[in-house]
Amino acid sequence: MNAINYTEQELLQMISLWIPPERIPRKVMIKDTANFFRVDYDDIVVLKGIPYFVRNNEREGRFGMEDEQKFWVKRAIDLLTGRVKILKWAFKERYKSRIGGLVFDCVRSPLKEARILKLVRGREDFVQGESTKDSAGNFLRILDYIRGKTLDETVQLKGKNHEDFFFNHYPGLLSEFIAIVKSIKFLHDNGEKHGDIRRDHLIKDSRTGIYRLIDFDYNYLHYENKFGYDLFGLGNVLIHITGRGDITTQDLLHNAPDKFSRLTEDDINIVFHNRVTNLKKIYPYIPESLNRILMHFSTSARVYYNNTMELLEDLGEVREGVLAS
C-alpha cells in the first residue's frame, strides 16, 4: 500500500484500532507538512510512509508559560504501531542571552537536533528519534514520547520538608544529577552542546527510572567557552534540586523575612536575579563543599566551571561527604 494513497476509509479503520469510538472523527484529511500552522487536531500527516494522527500541540514549560502552545511541536499517534510520537517542525527563533558579563547568541537549529539524535541513538539517557524533511525541505524530527515526570515534578514529591528531603532523599537525587552531568559530558566530548538544559527538559522515564534529556534544537555561540551555556544550565538545575525548588527573594520577603535580611546581592543567582544561590544561608545544614559549587553560579562568582569534568570532580567529593553523613 502506498502511504501517499491511503484512502480516507483505510485511515479511519487504522484510527479505530487505537482510539475510543467516541473519539474517532467522521472525516480525516492528509495535510501537507510544509506549514505546521495548517496541521491541526484530527489531521493526518505522512512521514517516511507512515501516517500520523495528530492529537494536540505541546505546551511550553518554562518561566511560567505552561499555557503557551508550541504550534510547531505536536503529539501524534503512529497509525501503524499505535505508539505516541512527538512531531517537531522547524521553527526559526533567535535571541541574545546575558549571564553576568557574558553574552550568548542563541538560535534554534533543527539540523543540530537531527545530528544529536543520530549521536545518542540507543542511549537510555536521551530521548530517541529520527529526522526527515517536510515538503518544504526543512528538518522535521519524529521523537518517542517519554512517559514519566520531569525533574522538578519529582523533586517536589520528595520529603515532608526541606530537612527531611535533604537528609533522606537528596543523596539519591545527587547521584542522579551526576549521571545527568555525565550525559552532557558525552555530548561535549563529541563536540556537541545541549543548548537548553532545564529541569523540564529532564524526564524520569517511568519504565527505566532513568532521567532522559530532551530538546536539543537550541544552539548558541560564545567565543570564550563553547560549553559555557550548558554549564550554567546544569548549575541552575543543581540549585533547584538542592533547594527542593526555587528559593526566591519574593517568597523569603513575605514568609521568612529574617532569612531574607541575611542576603546580599552576592547571594543571588547569576541568571535569575530573584532566585537565591547561597542556599547555606537558608538551610545551614547544607555542607560548605556543596555550597561552594552552588556559588559558582552566583552573581559574586569570579571563576566559572570550564567543563563538565571540573564539575564532576567537585560533585564526586560532595557525594562522598553527603553519603557519609
C-alpha atoms as a PDB file:
ATOM      1  CA  MET A   1       0.000   0.000   0.000  1.00  0.00           C
ATOM      2  CA  ASN A   2       1.452   3.382  -0.973  1.00  0.00           C
ATOM      3  CA  ALA A   3       1.265   5.671   2.064  1.00  0.00           C
ATOM      4  CA  ILE A   4       0.538   8.730  -0.066  1.00  0.00           C
ATOM      5  CA  ASN A   5      -2.509   6.952  -1.485  1.00  0.00           C
ATOM      6  CA  TYR A   6      -4.155   5.909   1.779  1.00  0.00           C
ATOM      7  CA  THR A   7      -7.884   6.265   1.347  1.00  0.00           C
ATOM      8  CA  GLU A   8      -9.954   8.008   3.980  1.00  0.00           C
ATOM      9  CA  GLN A   9     -11.680   4.734   4.811  1.00  0.00           C
ATOM     10  CA  GLU A  10      -8.342   2.974   5.340  1.00  0.00           C
ATOM     11  CA  LEU A  11      -7.166   5.754   7.638  1.00  0.00           C
ATOM     12  CA  LEU A  12     -10.385   5.665   9.671  1.00  0.00           C
ATOM     13  CA  GLN A  13     -10.023   1.903  10.073  1.00  0.00           C
ATOM     14  CA  MET A  14      -6.468   2.341  11.385  1.00  0.00           C
ATOM     15  CA  ILE A  15      -7.574   5.108  13.747  1.00  0.00           C
ATOM     16  CA  SER A  16     -10.279   2.812  15.156  1.00  0.00           C
ATOM     17  CA  LEU A  17      -7.555   0.396  16.325  1.00  0.00           C
ATOM     18  CA  TRP A  18      -6.049   2.977  18.695  1.00  0.00           C
ATOM     19  CA  ILE A  19      -8.780   5.493  19.538  1.00  0.00           C
ATOM     20  CA  PRO A  20     -12.020   5.014  21.553  1.00  0.00           C
ATOM     21  CA  PRO A  21     -15.123   5.000  19.315  1.00  0.00           C
ATOM     22  CA  GLU A  22     -16.353   8.352  20.633  1.00  0.00           C
ATOM     23  CA  ARG A  23     -13.047   9.995  19.625  1.00  0.00           C
ATOM     24  CA  ILE A  24     -12.979   8.756  16.035  1.00  0.00           C
ATOM     25  CA  PRO A  25     -13.654  11.683  13.675  1.00  0.00           C
ATOM     26  CA  ARG A  26     -16.186  11.412  10.890  1.00  0.00           C
ATOM     27  CA  LYS A  27     -13.673  12.642   8.349  1.00  0.00           C
ATOM     28  CA  VAL A  28      -9.900  12.918   8.182  1.00  0.00           C
ATOM     29  CA  MET A  29      -7.567  14.755   5.865  1.00  0.00           C
ATOM     30  CA  ILE A  30      -3.934  14.176   4.946  1.00  0.00           C
ATOM     31  CA  LYS A  31      -2.258  17.561   5.354  1.00  0.00           C
ATOM     32  CA  ASP A  32       0.820  18.895   3.631  1.00  0.00           C
ATOM     33  CA  THR A  33       3.759  19.179   6.042  1.00  0.00           C
ATOM     34  CA  ALA A  34       5.178  22.473   4.755  1.00  0.00           C
ATOM     35  CA  ASN A  35       3.248  24.657   7.242  1.00  0.00           C
ATOM     36  CA  PHE A  36       2.759  23.415  10.804  1.00  0.00           C
ATOM     37  CA  PHE A  37       0.079  26.059  11.434  1.00  0.00           C
ATOM     38  CA  ARG A  38      -2.164  24.243   8.947  1.00  0.00           C
ATOM     39  CA  VAL A  39      -1.786  20.893  10.699  1.00  0.00           C
ATOM     40  CA  ASP A  40      -4.368  20.566  13.454  1.00  0.00           C
ATOM     41  CA  TYR A  41      -6.234  18.176  15.724  1.00  0.00           C
ATOM     42  CA  ASP A  42      -7.527  15.035  13.918  1.00  0.00           C
ATOM     43  CA  ASP A  43      -5.416  15.719  10.814  1.00  0.00           C
ATOM     44  CA  ILE A  44      -3.093  13.140   9.258  1.00  0.00           C
ATOM     45  CA  VAL A  45       0.483  13.736   8.147  1.00  0.00           C
ATOM     46  CA  VAL A  46       2.514  11.104   6.339  1.00  0.00           C
ATOM     47  CA  LEU A  47       6.230  10.935   7.107  1.00  0.00           C
ATOM     48  CA  LYS A  48       8.546   8.295   5.677  1.00  0.00           C
ATOM     49  CA  GLY A  49       5.478   6.410   4.512  1.00  0.00           C
ATOM     50  CA  ILE A  50       3.911   6.291   7.996  1.00  0.00           C
ATOM     51  CA  PRO A  51       0.581   8.030   8.708  1.00  0.00           C
ATOM     52  CA  TYR A  52       0.476  10.022  11.960  1.00  0.00           C
ATOM     53  CA  PHE A  53      -2.826  11.017  13.566  1.00  0.00           C
ATOM     54  CA  VAL A  54      -2.327  14.462  15.146  1.00  0.00           C
ATOM     55  CA  ARG A  55      -3.794  14.955  18.611  1.00  0.00           C
ATOM     56  CA  ASN A  56      -2.639  18.258  20.117  1.00  0.00           C
ATOM     57  CA  ASN A  57       0.076  20.875  20.327  1.00  0.00           C
ATOM     58  CA  GLU A  58       2.665  20.532  23.057  1.00  0.00           C
ATOM     59  CA  ARG A  59       2.961  23.381  25.544  1.00  0.00           C
ATOM     60  CA  GLU A  60       5.823  25.489  26.792  1.00  0.00           C
ATOM     61  CA  GLY A  61       7.009  24.516  30.268  1.00  0.00           C
ATOM     62  CA  ARG A  62       9.405  27.272  31.279  1.00  0.00           C
ATOM     63  CA  PHE A  63       9.221  30.655  33.002  1.00  0.00           C
ATOM     64  CA  GLY A  64       5.560  30.223  33.960  1.00  0.00           C
ATOM     65  CA  MET A  65       4.476  29.794  30.330  1.00  0.00           C
ATOM     66  CA  GLU A  66       2.802  26.399  30.789  1.00  0.00           C
ATOM     67  CA  ASP A  67      -0.255  27.504  28.794  1.00  0.00           C
ATOM     68  CA  GLU A  68       1.753  28.749  25.810  1.00  0.00           C
ATOM     69  CA  GLN A  69       1.200  26.344  22.918  1.00  0.00           C
ATOM     70  CA  LYS A  70       4.139  25.291  20.776  1.00  0.00           C
ATOM     71  CA  PHE A  71       2.393  25.083  17.426  1.00  0.00           C
ATOM     72  CA  TRP A  72       5.467  23.574  15.775  1.00  0.00           C
ATOM     73  CA  VAL A  73       5.512  20.614  18.222  1.00  0.00           C
ATOM     74  CA  LYS A  74       2.605  18.187  18.006  1.00  0.00           C
ATOM     75  CA  ARG A  75       1.706  14.954  19.729  1.00  0.00           C
ATOM     76  CA  ALA A  76       0.539  12.270  17.315  1.00  0.00           C
ATOM     77  CA  ILE A  77      -0.195   8.560  17.049  1.00  0.00           C
ATOM     78  CA  ASP A  78       1.730   6.341  14.666  1.00  0.00           C
ATOM     79  CA  LEU A  79      -1.213   4.576  12.996  1.00  0.00           C
ATOM     80  CA  LEU A  80       0.876   1.525  12.101  1.00  0.00           C
ATOM     81  CA  THR A  81       2.023   0.790  15.676  1.00  0.00           C
ATOM     82  CA  GLY A  82      -0.229   2.841  17.959  1.00  0.00           C
ATOM     83  CA  ARG A  83       2.784   4.454  19.598  1.00  0.00           C
ATOM     84  CA  VAL A  84       2.621   8.068  20.678  1.00  0.00           C
ATOM     85  CA  LYS A  85       5.171  10.282  18.946  1.00  0.00           C
ATOM     86  CA  ILE A  86       6.218  13.914  19.117  1.00  0.00           C
ATOM     87  CA  LEU A  87       6.454  15.626  15.718  1.00  0.00           C
ATOM     88  CA  LYS A  88       8.692  18.669  15.770  1.00  0.00           C
ATOM     89  CA  TRP A  89       8.732  21.035  12.797  1.00  0.00           C
ATOM     90  CA  ALA A  90      11.445  23.568  12.026  1.00  0.00           C
ATOM     91  CA  PHE A  91      10.826  26.847  13.854  1.00  0.00           C
ATOM     92  CA  LYS A  92      13.028  29.934  13.485  1.00  0.00           C
ATOM     93  CA  GLU A  93      13.939  31.741  16.679  1.00  0.00           C
ATOM     94  CA  ARG A  94      16.933  33.880  17.578  1.00  0.00           C
ATOM     95  CA  TYR A  95      17.759  35.877  20.690  1.00  0.00           C
ATOM     96  CA  LYS A  96      20.631  37.022  22.926  1.00  0.00           C
ATOM     97  CA  SER A  97      21.052  35.660  26.434  1.00  0.00           C
ATOM     98  CA  ARG A  98      23.136  37.504  29.028  1.00  0.00           C
ATOM     99  CA  ILE A  99      24.666  35.733  32.001  1.00  0.00           C
ATOM    100  CA  GLY A 100      26.678  38.102  34.166  1.00  0.00           C
ATOM    101  CA  GLY A 101      29.057  39.807  31.766  1.00  0.00           C
ATOM    102  CA  LEU A 102      28.777  37.046  29.152  1.00  0.00           C
ATOM    103  CA  VAL A 103      26.578  37.306  26.068  1.00  0.00           C
ATOM    104  CA  PHE A 104      25.379  34.230  24.168  1.00  0.00           C
ATOM    105  CA  ASP A 105      23.798  34.334  20.708  1.00  0.00           C
ATOM    106  CA  CYS A 106      21.074  31.668  20.721  1.00  0.00           C
ATOM    107  CA  VAL A 107      19.246  30.208  17.729  1.00  0.00           C
ATOM    108  CA  ARG A 108      17.052  27.186  17.031  1.00  0.00           C
ATOM    109  CA  SER A 109      18.798  24.627  14.833  1.00  0.00           C
ATOM    110  CA  PRO A 110      16.772  21.630  13.621  1.00  0.00           C
ATOM    111  CA  LEU A 111      19.903  20.355  11.888  1.00  0.00           C
ATOM    112  CA  LYS A 112      21.763  20.270  15.225  1.00  0.00           C
ATOM    113  CA  GLU A 113      18.977  18.274  16.870  1.00  0.00           C
ATOM    114  CA  ALA A 114      18.879  15.852  13.940  1.00  0.00           C
ATOM    115  CA  ARG A 115      22.629  15.386  14.316  1.00  0.00           C
ATOM    116  CA  ILE A 116      22.391  14.724  18.055  1.00  0.00           C
ATOM    117  CA  LEU A 117      19.568  12.224  17.594  1.00  0.00           C
ATOM    118  CA  LYS A 118      21.963  10.167  15.469  1.00  0.00           C
ATOM    119  CA  LEU A 119      24.753  10.546  18.017  1.00  0.00           C
ATOM    120  CA  VAL A 120      22.671   9.351  21.003  1.00  0.00           C
ATOM    121  CA  ARG A 121      20.851   6.529  19.239  1.00  0.00           C
ATOM    122  CA  GLY A 122      20.443   3.569  21.594  1.00  0.00           C
ATOM    123  CA  ARG A 123      21.270   5.522  24.774  1.00  0.00           C
ATOM    124  CA  GLU A 124      18.657   5.329  27.538  1.00  0.00           C
ATOM    125  CA  ASP A 125      19.632   8.743  28.934  1.00  0.00           C
ATOM    126  CA  PHE A 126      18.451  10.631  25.840  1.00  0.00           C
ATOM    127  CA  VAL A 127      15.145  10.797  24.010  1.00  0.00           C
ATOM    128  CA  GLN A 128      15.186   8.635  20.902  1.00  0.00           C
ATOM    129  CA  GLY A 129      14.026   9.673  17.482  1.00  0.00           C
ATOM    130  CA  GLU A 130      14.878  10.340  13.876  1.00  0.00           C
ATOM    131  CA  SER A 131      14.656  13.181  11.406  1.00  0.00           C
ATOM    132  CA  THR A 132      13.142  13.561   7.989  1.00  0.00           C
ATOM    133  CA  LYS A 133      12.255  16.569   5.863  1.00  0.00           C
ATOM    134  CA  ASP A 134       8.909  18.238   5.447  1.00  0.00           C
ATOM    135  CA  SER A 135       7.591  19.013   1.987  1.00  0.00           C
ATOM    136  CA  ALA A 136       9.411  22.372   2.063  1.00  0.00           C
ATOM    137  CA  GLY A 137      12.771  20.692   2.712  1.00  0.00           C
ATOM    138  CA  ASN A 138      13.107  21.642   6.397  1.00  0.00           C
ATOM    139  CA  PHE A 139      14.228  19.152   9.047  1.00  0.00           C
ATOM    140  CA  LEU A 140      11.285  17.610  10.905  1.00  0.00           C
ATOM    141  CA  ARG A 141      12.001  15.385  13.876  1.00  0.00           C
ATOM    142  CA  ILE A 142       9.975  12.320  14.902  1.00  0.00           C
ATOM    143  CA  LEU A 143      10.555  11.679  18.607  1.00  0.00           C
ATOM    144  CA  ASP A 144       9.484   8.990  21.047  1.00  0.00           C
ATOM    145  CA  TYR A 145       7.057  10.170  23.684  1.00  0.00           C
ATOM    146  CA  ILE A 146       8.529   9.586  27.162  1.00  0.00           C
ATOM    147  CA  ARG A 147       6.099   8.646  29.907  1.00  0.00           C
ATOM    148  CA  GLY A 148       7.288   9.998  33.222  1.00  0.00           C
ATOM    149  CA  LYS A 149       7.699  13.075  35.387  1.00  0.00           C
ATOM    150  CA  THR A 150      10.019  15.995  34.811  1.00  0.00           C
ATOM    151  CA  LEU A 151      12.821  16.559  37.304  1.00  0.00           C
ATOM    152  CA  ASP A 152      11.083  19.472  39.026  1.00  0.00           C
ATOM    153  CA  GLU A 153       7.940  17.366  39.473  1.00  0.00           C
ATOM    154  CA  THR A 154       9.894  14.546  41.122  1.00  0.00           C
ATOM    155  CA  VAL A 155      11.761  16.953  43.432  1.00  0.00           C
ATOM    156  CA  GLN A 156       8.532  18.444  44.784  1.00  0.00           C
ATOM    157  CA  LEU A 157       7.233  14.986  45.727  1.00  0.00           C
ATOM    158  CA  LYS A 158      10.167  14.093  47.968  1.00  0.00           C
ATOM    159  CA  GLY A 159      10.275  14.739  51.713  1.00  0.00           C
ATOM    160  CA  LYS A 160       7.929  16.280  54.285  1.00  0.00           C
ATOM    161  CA  ASN A 161      10.060  19.426  54.402  1.00  0.00           C
ATOM    162  CA  HIS A 162      13.482  20.532  53.212  1.00  0.00           C
ATOM    163  CA  GLU A 163      15.399  18.957  56.093  1.00  0.00           C
ATOM    164  CA  ASP A 164      13.703  15.596  55.596  1.00  0.00           C
ATOM    165  CA  PHE A 165      14.285  15.925  51.852  1.00  0.00           C
ATOM    166  CA  PHE A 166      17.946  16.831  52.193  1.00  0.00           C
ATOM    167  CA  PHE A 167      18.984  14.058  54.547  1.00  0.00           C
ATOM    168  CA  ASN A 168      16.747  11.257  53.260  1.00  0.00           C
ATOM    169  CA  HIS A 169      16.222  11.918  49.554  1.00  0.00           C
ATOM    170  CA  TYR A 170      18.902  14.314  48.326  1.00  0.00           C
ATOM    171  CA  PRO A 171      21.796  11.795  48.265  1.00  0.00           C
ATOM    172  CA  GLY A 172      19.981   9.653  45.698  1.00  0.00           C
ATOM    173  CA  LEU A 173      18.932  12.701  43.711  1.00  0.00           C
ATOM    174  CA  LEU A 174      22.512  13.980  43.723  1.00  0.00           C
ATOM    175  CA  SER A 175      23.680  10.653  42.246  1.00  0.00           C
ATOM    176  CA  GLU A 176      21.036  11.000  39.527  1.00  0.00           C
ATOM    177  CA  PHE A 177      22.196  14.551  38.829  1.00  0.00           C
ATOM    178  CA  ILE A 178      25.789  13.356  38.479  1.00  0.00           C
ATOM    179  CA  ALA A 179      24.562  10.838  35.878  1.00  0.00           C
ATOM    180  CA  ILE A 180      22.889  13.749  34.039  1.00  0.00           C
ATOM    181  CA  VAL A 181      26.172  15.691  34.018  1.00  0.00           C
ATOM    182  CA  LYS A 182      27.894  12.606  32.585  1.00  0.00           C
ATOM    183  CA  SER A 183      25.282  12.529  29.812  1.00  0.00           C
ATOM    184  CA  ILE A 184      26.098  16.152  28.970  1.00  0.00           C
ATOM    185  CA  LYS A 185      29.797  15.290  29.105  1.00  0.00           C
ATOM    186  CA  PHE A 186      29.124  12.675  26.401  1.00  0.00           C
ATOM    187  CA  LEU A 187      27.728  15.409  24.145  1.00  0.00           C
ATOM    188  CA  HIS A 188      30.614  17.755  24.877  1.00  0.00           C
ATOM    189  CA  ASP A 189      33.204  15.029  24.308  1.00  0.00           C
ATOM    190  CA  ASN A 190      31.662  14.603  20.859  1.00  0.00           C
ATOM    191  CA  GLY A 191      31.752  18.320  20.105  1.00  0.00           C
ATOM    192  CA  GLU A 192      28.024  18.889  20.668  1.00  0.00           C
ATOM    193  CA  LYS A 193      26.072  21.115  23.074  1.00  0.00           C
ATOM    194  CA  HIS A 194      22.636  20.541  24.517  1.00  0.00           C
ATOM    195  CA  GLY A 195      21.799  24.231  24.321  1.00  0.00           C
ATOM    196  CA  ASP A 196      18.791  24.415  26.664  1.00  0.00           C
ATOM    197  CA  ILE A 197      19.398  22.467  29.874  1.00  0.00           C
ATOM    198  CA  ARG A 198      16.383  22.928  32.144  1.00  0.00           C
ATOM    199  CA  ARG A 199      14.635  20.806  34.712  1.00  0.00           C
ATOM    200  CA  ASP A 200      11.584  20.357  32.449  1.00  0.00           C
ATOM    201  CA  HIS A 201      13.919  19.003  29.755  1.00  0.00           C
ATOM    202  CA  LEU A 202      14.819  16.130  32.079  1.00  0.00           C
ATOM    203  CA  ILE A 203      12.172  13.414  32.279  1.00  0.00           C
ATOM    204  CA  LYS A 204      12.426  10.414  34.582  1.00  0.00           C
ATOM    205  CA  ASP A 205      11.317   7.525  32.397  1.00  0.00           C
ATOM    206  CA  SER A 206       8.648   5.600  34.317  1.00  0.00           C
ATOM    207  CA  ARG A 207       9.794   2.388  32.618  1.00  0.00           C
ATOM    208  CA  THR A 208      13.535   2.560  33.320  1.00  0.00           C
ATOM    209  CA  GLY A 209      13.752   5.025  36.211  1.00  0.00           C
ATOM    210  CA  ILE A 210      16.480   6.894  34.307  1.00  0.00           C
ATOM    211  CA  TYR A 211      16.409  10.625  33.619  1.00  0.00           C
ATOM    212  CA  ARG A 212      16.334  11.308  29.899  1.00  0.00           C
ATOM    213  CA  LEU A 213      17.370  14.541  28.202  1.00  0.00           C
ATOM    214  CA  ILE A 214      15.082  16.070  25.590  1.00  0.00           C
ATOM    215  CA  ASP A 215      15.070  19.153  23.320  1.00  0.00           C
ATOM    216  CA  PHE A 216      18.448  19.662  21.669  1.00  0.00           C
ATOM    217  CA  ASP A 217      17.499  22.163  18.971  1.00  0.00           C
ATOM    218  CA  TYR A 218      18.858  25.296  20.628  1.00  0.00           C
ATOM    219  CA  ASN A 219      22.355  26.267  19.612  1.00  0.00           C
ATOM    220  CA  TYR A 220      24.416  29.148  20.934  1.00  0.00           C
ATOM    221  CA  LEU A 221      27.613  30.949  20.087  1.00  0.00           C
ATOM    222  CA  HIS A 222      30.146  32.248  22.568  1.00  0.00           C
ATOM    223  CA  TYR A 223      33.818  32.627  21.841  1.00  0.00           C
ATOM    224  CA  GLU A 224      35.262  32.244  25.353  1.00  0.00           C
ATOM    225  CA  ASN A 225      33.790  28.850  26.284  1.00  0.00           C
ATOM    226  CA  LYS A 226      31.968  26.663  23.792  1.00  0.00           C
ATOM    227  CA  PHE A 227      30.147  24.772  26.545  1.00  0.00           C
ATOM    228  CA  GLY A 228      29.590  27.632  28.991  1.00  0.00           C
ATOM    229  CA  TYR A 229      25.837  27.983  28.454  1.00  0.00           C
ATOM    230  CA  ASP A 230      25.309  24.280  29.156  1.00  0.00           C
ATOM    231  CA  LEU A 231      27.316  24.554  32.369  1.00  0.00           C
ATOM    232  CA  PHE A 232      25.154  27.424  33.603  1.00  0.00           C
ATOM    233  CA  GLY A 233      22.098  25.298  32.785  1.00  0.00           C
ATOM    234  CA  LEU A 234      23.473  22.438  34.869  1.00  0.00           C
ATOM    235  CA  GLY A 235      24.161  24.854  37.708  1.00  0.00           C
ATOM    236  CA  ASN A 236      20.579  26.096  37.712  1.00  0.00           C
ATOM    237  CA  VAL A 237      19.275  22.527  37.832  1.00  0.00           C
ATOM    238  CA  LEU A 238      21.602  21.721  40.754  1.00  0.00           C
ATOM    239  CA  ILE A 239      20.461  24.803  42.666  1.00  0.00           C
ATOM    240  CA  HIS A 240      16.833  23.839  42.065  1.00  0.00           C
ATOM    241  CA  ILE A 241      17.178  20.292  43.358  1.00  0.00           C
ATOM    242  CA  THR A 242      19.341  21.365  46.324  1.00  0.00           C
ATOM    243  CA  GLY A 243      16.708  23.897  47.384  1.00  0.00           C
ATOM    244  CA  ARG A 244      13.845  21.414  46.768  1.00  0.00           C
ATOM    245  CA  GLY A 245      12.548  24.015  44.361  1.00  0.00           C
ATOM    246  CA  ASP A 246      13.373  27.642  43.629  1.00  0.00           C
ATOM    247  CA  ILE A 247      14.065  29.774  46.691  1.00  0.00           C
ATOM    248  CA  THR A 248      13.017  33.249  45.594  1.00  0.00           C
ATOM    249  CA  THR A 249      13.621  36.595  47.231  1.00  0.00           C
ATOM    250  CA  GLN A 250       9.906  37.408  46.950  1.00  0.00           C
ATOM    251  CA  ASP A 251       8.902  34.307  48.886  1.00  0.00           C
ATOM    252  CA  LEU A 252      11.504  34.904  51.590  1.00  0.00           C
ATOM    253  CA  LEU A 253      10.483  38.552  51.952  1.00  0.00           C
ATOM    254  CA  HIS A 254       6.884  37.556  52.652  1.00  0.00           C
ATOM    255  CA  ASN A 255       7.316  34.259  54.508  1.00  0.00           C
ATOM    256  CA  ALA A 256      10.796  34.339  56.076  1.00  0.00           C
ATOM    257  CA  PRO A 257      11.876  37.977  56.452  1.00  0.00           C
ATOM    258  CA  ASP A 258      14.611  37.032  58.923  1.00  0.00           C
ATOM    259  CA  LYS A 259      16.293  34.861  56.274  1.00  0.00           C
ATOM    260  CA  PHE A 260      15.725  37.498  53.615  1.00  0.00           C
ATOM    261  CA  SER A 261      17.519  40.074  55.763  1.00  0.00           C
ATOM    262  CA  ARG A 262      20.689  37.942  55.758  1.00  0.00           C
ATOM    263  CA  LEU A 263      21.021  38.022  51.986  1.00  0.00           C
ATOM    264  CA  THR A 264      23.232  40.307  49.944  1.00  0.00           C
ATOM    265  CA  GLU A 265      23.487  40.821  46.190  1.00  0.00           C
ATOM    266  CA  ASP A 266      26.345  38.297  46.156  1.00  0.00           C
ATOM    267  CA  ASP A 267      23.958  35.502  47.203  1.00  0.00           C
ATOM    268  CA  ILE A 268      21.732  35.758  44.122  1.00  0.00           C
ATOM    269  CA  ASN A 269      21.646  33.590  41.003  1.00  0.00           C
ATOM    270  CA  ILE A 270      23.702  34.954  38.109  1.00  0.00           C
ATOM    271  CA  VAL A 271      20.976  34.027  35.595  1.00  0.00           C
ATOM    272  CA  PHE A 272      17.717  34.552  37.519  1.00  0.00           C
ATOM    273  CA  HIS A 273      18.055  37.583  39.736  1.00  0.00           C
ATOM    274  CA  ASN A 274      15.136  36.696  42.018  1.00  0.00           C
ATOM    275  CA  ARG A 275      16.496  33.246  42.964  1.00  0.00           C
ATOM    276  CA  VAL A 276      18.828  32.526  45.860  1.00  0.00           C
ATOM    277  CA  THR A 277      22.047  30.637  45.118  1.00  0.00           C
ATOM    278  CA  ASN A 278      23.670  30.814  48.556  1.00  0.00           C
ATOM    279  CA  LEU A 279      21.374  28.164  50.000  1.00  0.00           C
ATOM    280  CA  LYS A 280      23.513  27.639  53.093  1.00  0.00           C
ATOM    281  CA  LYS A 281      22.154  30.963  54.383  1.00  0.00           C
ATOM    282  CA  ILE A 282      18.670  29.467  54.119  1.00  0.00           C
ATOM    283  CA  TYR A 283      19.488  25.906  55.200  1.00  0.00           C
ATOM    284  CA  PRO A 284      22.606  25.942  57.445  1.00  0.00           C
ATOM    285  CA  TYR A 285      22.983  22.138  57.351  1.00  0.00           C
ATOM    286  CA  ILE A 286      23.972  22.233  53.653  1.00  0.00           C
ATOM    287  CA  PRO A 287      27.691  21.280  53.556  1.00  0.00           C
ATOM    288  CA  GLU A 288      30.145  24.040  52.709  1.00  0.00           C
ATOM    289  CA  SER A 289      31.648  21.897  49.922  1.00  0.00           C
ATOM    290  CA  LEU A 290      28.254  21.686  48.209  1.00  0.00           C
ATOM    291  CA  ASN A 291      27.508  25.361  48.711  1.00  0.00           C
ATOM    292  CA  ARG A 292      30.854  26.252  47.108  1.00  0.00           C
ATOM    293  CA  ILE A 293      29.696  24.524  43.934  1.00  0.00           C
ATOM    294  CA  LEU A 294      26.420  26.444  44.001  1.00  0.00           C
ATOM    295  CA  MET A 295      28.252  29.742  44.442  1.00  0.00           C
ATOM    296  CA  HIS A 296      29.995  29.227  41.090  1.00  0.00           C
ATOM    297  CA  PHE A 297      26.588  30.211  39.657  1.00  0.00           C
ATOM    298  CA  SER A 298      26.035  33.322  41.791  1.00  0.00           C
ATOM    299  CA  THR A 299      26.478  36.982  40.922  1.00  0.00           C
ATOM    300  CA  SER A 300      29.579  37.026  43.156  1.00  0.00           C
ATOM    301  CA  ALA A 301      31.343  34.258  41.192  1.00  0.00           C
ATOM    302  CA  ARG A 302      34.735  35.245  39.823  1.00  0.00           C
ATOM    303  CA  VAL A 303      35.583  31.804  38.456  1.00  0.00           C
ATOM    304  CA  TYR A 304      33.227  29.629  36.396  1.00  0.00           C
ATOM    305  CA  TYR A 305      33.422  25.958  35.526  1.00  0.00           C
ATOM    306  CA  ASN A 306      35.192  25.475  32.191  1.00  0.00           C
ATOM    307  CA  ASN A 307      33.972  21.935  31.509  1.00  0.00           C
ATOM    308  CA  THR A 308      31.877  19.106  32.878  1.00  0.00           C
ATOM    309  CA  MET A 309      34.921  17.251  34.203  1.00  0.00           C
ATOM    310  CA  GLU A 310      35.674  20.037  36.668  1.00  0.00           C
ATOM    311  CA  LEU A 311      32.071  19.980  37.863  1.00  0.00           C
ATOM    312  CA  LEU A 312      32.034  16.178  38.118  1.00  0.00           C
ATOM    313  CA  GLU A 313      35.189  16.152  40.241  1.00  0.00           C
ATOM    314  CA  ASP A 314      33.671  18.583  42.748  1.00  0.00           C
ATOM    315  CA  LEU A 315      30.343  16.739  42.756  1.00  0.00           C
ATOM    316  CA  GLY A 316      32.100  13.429  43.390  1.00  0.00           C
ATOM    317  CA  GLU A 317      33.740  14.811  46.543  1.00  0.00           C
ATOM    318  CA  VAL A 318      30.428  16.226  47.746  1.00  0.00           C
ATOM    319  CA  ARG A 319      28.590  12.960  47.124  1.00  0.00           C
ATOM    320  CA  GLU A 320      31.072  11.063  49.273  1.00  0.00           C
ATOM    321  CA  GLY A 321      30.523  13.516  52.102  1.00  0.00           C
ATOM    322  CA  VAL A 322      26.724  13.565  51.762  1.00  0.00           C
ATOM    323  CA  LEU A 323      26.501   9.770  51.687  1.00  0.00           C
ATOM    324  CA  ALA A 324      28.780   9.507  54.710  1.00  0.00           C
ATOM    325  CA  SER A 325      26.780  11.959  56.799  1.00  0.00           C
END
